[in-house]
Amino acid sequence: MPPTVVVRRLPRLPDGPGEDPSAITLATNYRDLRLHALRTSPEAFASSYEIESQWGLDRTVARLSNPQAAHFIATLANSDESEAPRNNDETALQSQQWVGFIALLGPTLSKSESSAKVSASHDPFAQMQATGLSNNLVRTSGQATTSRPPQSGTLSYHIGAVFVEPSVRKAGVGRALIDAALSEAETQVHERKASAFECTIHVDTYNDAAIRLYQKVGFEVVGEETYAQQTVAPGTSESRVIERVAFLMELTRVVVSQR
């Protein structure tokens, strides 16, 4: 039987975890999985293991404390877990094996201020700060606040990272992660009294499996970008540049108002 995988929402960490053992554990687990992903699937990221392995835990905390980033983790459920998934179950996140992740970045209010400016050559995570996303995703970092005032129109999001452990691939984990991220976007549309949302993602043109998965969900190719991925060669201070080509895929979804 395939393993039972549960997708859980990662709670937003405080800006500085201090000595909080729970926050430190979650940040450490995320960093370990991120580095594992960069080693296992280097072609799936604009960043690299050589670069991020030099970063301290504070970089991870900045990602996980950002109020405009929703992180979801796929975990291997316990064999006796028969109840419905509990996305905010922090105990399960700390005790179970992590086998995948996805990050939903946003929202912003205008396509021209978000998806049109997102570039495949920049890792959105590397541009994050604890108080807001980079200008690629919001007009100013000052917009990244925890308040959610009512808005109207279409909200824009970007999926910044997706990874599934090779041992559980082809078991629906990637689809479950994407569905969780899009469900969060839909929830925020309701909260902000908007009418629809759009979501973009970059996928390298050779990655046929990922392209097919996103197309099944409803994404369409809307652009193409040639970019240079710069990494640091192991054991040296010299950089190497890898030229890659990515599709920009986009999904637009109208959300029916709740009454």
Protein backbone atom coordinates (compact mmCIF):
# COMPACT_ATOMS: atom_id res chain seq x y z
CA MET A 1 0.00 0.00 0.00
CA PRO A 2 1.20 3.53 -0.70
CA PRO A 3 2.06 5.57 2.40
CA THR A 4 -0.59 7.78 3.93
CA VAL A 5 0.41 11.39 3.36
CA VAL A 6 -1.33 14.31 5.06
CA VAL A 7 -0.90 17.95 4.01
CA ARG A 8 -0.76 20.32 6.98
CA ARG A 9 -0.59 24.11 7.19
CA LEU A 10 2.62 25.24 8.85
CA PRO A 11 1.82 27.81 11.56
CA ARG A 12 3.41 31.19 10.99
CA LEU A 13 6.42 31.56 13.25
CA PRO A 14 7.07 34.62 15.39
CA ASP A 15 9.52 37.09 13.85
CA GLY A 16 12.18 35.83 16.21
CA PRO A 17 11.72 32.32 17.68
CA GLY A 18 14.11 33.11 20.53
CA GLU A 19 14.31 30.08 22.77
CA ASP A 20 10.88 28.73 21.80
CA PRO A 21 11.67 25.03 21.24
CA SER A 22 8.58 24.47 19.10
CA ALA A 23 9.42 27.30 16.69
CA ILE A 24 13.06 26.24 16.53
CA THR A 25 12.05 22.65 15.74
CA LEU A 26 9.70 23.69 12.93
CA ALA A 27 12.27 26.06 11.43
CA THR A 28 14.99 23.41 11.64
CA ASN A 29 12.79 20.76 10.02
CA TYR A 30 11.88 23.13 7.21
CA ARG A 31 15.49 24.09 6.60
CA ASP A 32 16.55 20.43 6.55
CA LEU A 33 13.84 19.53 4.04
CA ARG A 34 14.62 22.56 1.90
CA LEU A 35 18.30 21.61 1.74
CA HIS A 36 17.36 18.01 0.98
CA ALA A 37 15.14 19.24 -1.85
CA LEU A 38 17.96 21.36 -3.28
CA ARG A 39 20.25 18.32 -3.25
CA THR A 40 17.65 15.91 -4.60
CA SER A 41 16.04 18.12 -7.25
CA PRO A 42 18.46 20.99 -7.96
CA GLU A 43 16.84 21.61 -11.33
CA ALA A 44 13.54 22.54 -9.67
CA PHE A 45 14.84 25.65 -7.92
CA ALA A 46 16.42 28.93 -8.91
CA SER A 47 18.56 28.72 -5.79
CA SER A 48 21.08 25.98 -4.98
CA TYR A 49 22.24 23.78 -2.11
CA GLU A 50 25.69 25.34 -2.24
CA ILE A 51 24.22 28.78 -1.58
CA GLU A 52 21.54 27.98 0.98
CA SER A 53 23.62 25.56 3.04
CA GLN A 54 25.71 28.60 4.04
CA TRP A 55 22.68 30.41 5.45
CA GLY A 56 21.78 30.41 9.11
CA LEU A 57 18.45 29.47 10.64
CA ASP A 58 17.45 33.13 10.70
CA ARG A 59 16.85 33.01 6.91
CA THR A 60 14.38 30.16 7.40
CA VAL A 61 12.65 31.98 10.23
CA ALA A 62 12.24 35.01 7.95
CA ARG A 63 10.50 32.83 5.38
CA LEU A 64 8.22 31.14 7.88
CA SER A 65 7.31 34.32 9.75
CA ASN A 66 6.31 36.32 6.68
CA PRO A 67 2.60 37.23 6.93
CA GLN A 68 2.18 37.02 3.14
CA ALA A 69 3.50 33.49 2.81
CA ALA A 70 1.42 30.38 3.50
CA HIS A 71 3.48 27.20 3.85
CA PHE A 72 2.09 23.69 3.60
CA ILE A 73 3.94 20.51 4.55
CA ALA A 74 3.22 16.95 3.41
CA THR A 75 3.85 14.49 6.25
CA LEU A 76 3.77 10.73 6.53
CA ALA A 77 0.79 10.05 8.78
CA ASN A 78 0.91 7.56 11.63
CA SER A 79 -0.55 4.18 10.79
CA ASP A 80 -3.26 4.64 13.45
CA GLU A 81 -4.30 8.11 12.27
CA SER A 82 -7.85 7.55 11.09
CA GLU A 83 -9.37 10.98 11.66
CA ALA A 84 -9.49 13.79 9.13
CA PRO A 85 -6.26 15.71 8.54
CA ARG A 86 -5.60 18.48 11.04
CA ASN A 87 -3.65 21.07 9.12
CA ASN A 88 -2.74 23.07 12.22
CA ASP A 89 -1.71 20.10 14.33
CA GLU A 90 1.68 21.32 15.47
CA THR A 91 2.36 18.12 17.41
CA ALA A 92 2.02 16.04 14.24
CA LEU A 93 4.28 18.44 12.34
CA GLN A 94 6.95 17.98 14.96
CA SER A 95 6.66 14.20 15.23
CA GLN A 96 6.02 12.99 11.68
CA GLN A 97 8.35 12.76 8.70
CA TRP A 98 8.16 15.65 6.24
CA VAL A 99 8.05 14.55 2.58
CA GLY A 100 7.05 17.66 0.66
CA PHE A 101 6.28 21.36 0.76
CA ILE A 102 4.66 24.21 -1.13
CA ALA A 103 4.60 27.96 -0.51
CA LEU A 104 1.89 30.37 -1.59
CA LEU A 105 3.10 33.98 -1.79
CA GLY A 106 0.73 36.92 -1.79
CA PRO A 107 -1.76 38.35 -2.23
CA THR A 108 -1.44 41.57 -4.17
CA LEU A 109 -4.26 43.41 -5.88
CA SER A 110 -2.95 43.92 -9.40
CA LYS A 111 -1.54 41.57 -11.97
CA SER A 112 0.79 44.32 -13.15
CA GLU A 113 2.22 44.57 -9.63
CA SER A 114 2.72 40.86 -9.05
CA SER A 115 2.79 38.04 -11.56
CA ALA A 116 4.05 40.23 -14.41
CA LYS A 117 7.12 41.15 -12.34
CA VAL A 118 7.94 37.72 -10.92
CA SER A 119 11.09 36.37 -12.58
CA ALA A 120 12.30 32.81 -12.88
CA SER A 121 15.84 34.04 -12.28
CA HIS A 122 15.10 34.99 -8.67
CA ASP A 123 14.13 32.67 -5.86
CA PRO A 124 11.23 34.43 -4.10
CA PHE A 125 12.30 32.92 -0.79
CA ALA A 126 15.73 34.47 -1.01
CA GLN A 127 14.11 37.89 -1.41
CA MET A 128 11.85 37.55 1.59
CA GLN A 129 12.14 39.58 4.74
CA ALA A 130 10.33 39.02 7.99
CA THR A 131 8.15 42.09 7.39
CA GLY A 132 7.19 41.53 3.79
CA LEU A 133 7.85 40.12 0.37
CA SER A 134 10.16 41.62 -2.19
CA ASN A 135 9.01 44.33 -4.57
CA ASN A 136 8.59 41.61 -7.18
CA LEU A 137 5.42 40.63 -5.36
CA VAL A 138 4.13 43.73 -3.60
CA ARG A 139 4.26 47.44 -4.27
CA THR A 140 6.08 48.13 -1.00
CA SER A 141 7.07 45.95 1.92
CA GLY A 142 4.84 48.14 4.06
CA GLN A 143 1.82 46.41 2.52
CA ALA A 144 2.84 43.13 4.13
CA THR A 145 0.90 43.36 7.37
CA THR A 146 -1.07 40.84 9.35
CA SER A 147 -4.33 42.78 8.94
CA ARG A 148 -6.73 41.74 6.21
CA PRO A 149 -8.96 44.70 5.32
CA PRO A 150 -11.85 44.06 2.92
CA GLN A 151 -10.74 44.34 -0.69
CA SER A 152 -12.46 43.98 -4.02
CA GLY A 153 -11.37 42.66 -7.38
CA THR A 154 -8.83 39.96 -8.17
CA LEU A 155 -6.07 38.91 -5.81
CA SER A 156 -2.72 37.74 -7.23
CA TYR A 157 -0.53 34.96 -5.86
CA HIS A 158 2.64 33.14 -6.84
CA ILE A 159 3.67 29.61 -5.91
CA GLY A 160 7.30 29.97 -4.92
CA ALA A 161 8.41 26.41 -4.25
CA VAL A 162 7.12 22.86 -4.66
CA PHE A 163 8.92 19.68 -3.66
CA VAL A 164 7.86 16.06 -3.21
CA GLU A 165 10.20 13.42 -1.82
CA PRO A 166 11.00 10.95 -4.65
CA SER A 167 9.88 7.95 -2.57
CA VAL A 168 6.26 9.23 -2.44
CA ARG A 169 5.96 10.69 -5.93
CA LYS A 170 3.17 9.51 -8.25
CA ALA A 171 0.92 9.07 -5.20
CA GLY A 172 -1.00 12.33 -5.49
CA VAL A 173 1.16 14.28 -3.04
CA GLY A 174 1.99 17.07 -5.48
CA ARG A 175 -1.69 17.51 -6.36
CA ALA A 176 -2.63 17.57 -2.66
CA LEU A 177 -0.07 20.30 -1.98
CA ILE A 178 -1.27 22.41 -4.91
CA ASP A 179 -4.90 21.97 -3.86
CA ALA A 180 -4.03 23.09 -0.32
CA ALA A 181 -2.32 26.24 -1.62
CA LEU A 182 -5.18 27.13 -3.96
CA SER A 183 -7.71 26.46 -1.21
CA GLU A 184 -5.87 28.97 0.97
CA ALA A 185 -6.03 31.53 -1.85
CA GLU A 186 -9.77 30.94 -2.15
CA THR A 187 -10.20 31.38 1.61
CA GLN A 188 -8.39 34.71 1.47
CA VAL A 189 -10.60 35.84 -1.41
CA HIS A 190 -13.62 35.27 0.82
CA GLU A 191 -11.99 37.02 3.78
CA ARG A 192 -11.09 40.08 1.72
CA LYS A 193 -14.46 40.14 -0.05
CA ALA A 194 -12.76 39.85 -3.44
CA SER A 195 -14.27 38.07 -6.43
CA ALA A 196 -11.45 36.00 -7.91
CA PHE A 197 -7.78 35.13 -7.70
CA GLU A 198 -4.97 34.41 -10.11
CA CYS A 199 -1.92 32.33 -9.33
CA THR A 200 1.33 31.96 -11.26
CA ILE A 201 4.22 29.53 -11.12
CA HIS A 202 7.42 29.03 -13.09
CA VAL A 203 8.14 25.54 -14.45
CA ASP A 204 11.20 24.65 -16.50
CA THR A 205 10.18 23.74 -20.04
CA TYR A 206 11.70 20.25 -19.87
CA ASN A 207 9.66 19.26 -16.78
CA ASP A 208 6.82 17.55 -18.62
CA ALA A 209 5.42 15.80 -15.53
CA ALA A 210 5.07 19.04 -13.58
CA ILE A 211 3.60 20.87 -16.57
CA ARG A 212 0.96 18.15 -17.02
CA LEU A 213 0.10 18.27 -13.31
CA TYR A 214 -0.42 22.03 -13.33
CA GLN A 215 -2.46 21.82 -16.51
CA LYS A 216 -4.76 19.27 -14.86
CA VAL A 217 -5.35 21.71 -12.03
CA GLY A 218 -6.17 24.49 -14.50
CA PHE A 219 -2.89 26.35 -15.12
CA GLU A 220 -2.06 27.48 -18.64
CA VAL A 221 1.23 28.55 -20.19
CA VAL A 222 1.17 32.33 -20.64
CA GLY A 223 4.84 33.13 -21.19
CA GLU A 224 8.39 31.87 -21.47
CA GLU A 225 11.62 33.16 -19.97
CA THR A 226 15.28 32.32 -20.53
CA TYR A 227 17.27 32.89 -17.39
CA ALA A 228 20.65 32.12 -15.88
CA GLN A 229 20.81 30.18 -12.62
CA GLN A 230 23.92 31.18 -10.73
CA THR A 231 25.30 28.73 -8.21
CA VAL A 232 28.50 28.30 -6.27
CA ALA A 233 30.69 25.33 -7.17
CA PRO A 234 31.25 22.99 -4.19
CA GLY A 235 34.52 23.62 -2.36
CA THR A 236 35.33 26.78 -4.31
CA SER A 237 34.40 30.44 -4.35
CA GLU A 238 33.85 30.42 -8.10
CA SER A 239 30.40 30.82 -9.56
CA ARG A 240 28.98 28.82 -12.42
CA VAL A 241 26.04 29.85 -14.53
CA ILE A 242 23.46 27.44 -15.91
CA GLU A 243 21.16 28.70 -18.66
CA ARG A 244 17.58 27.49 -18.29
CA VAL A 245 14.20 28.16 -19.88
CA ALA A 246 10.99 28.34 -17.85
CA PHE A 247 7.32 28.60 -18.67
CA LEU A 248 5.23 31.07 -16.73
CA MET A 249 1.96 29.26 -16.01
CA GLU A 250 -1.14 30.98 -14.69
CA LEU A 251 -4.48 29.95 -13.24
CA THR A 252 -7.46 32.27 -12.80
CA ARG A 253 -10.37 31.20 -10.63
CA VAL A 254 -13.63 33.01 -9.90
CA VAL A 255 -14.78 32.44 -6.34
CA VAL A 256 -18.47 32.16 -5.57
CA SER A 257 -19.48 34.36 -2.64
CA GLN A 258 -20.43 32.60 0.57
CA ARG A 259 -23.90 33.46 1.86
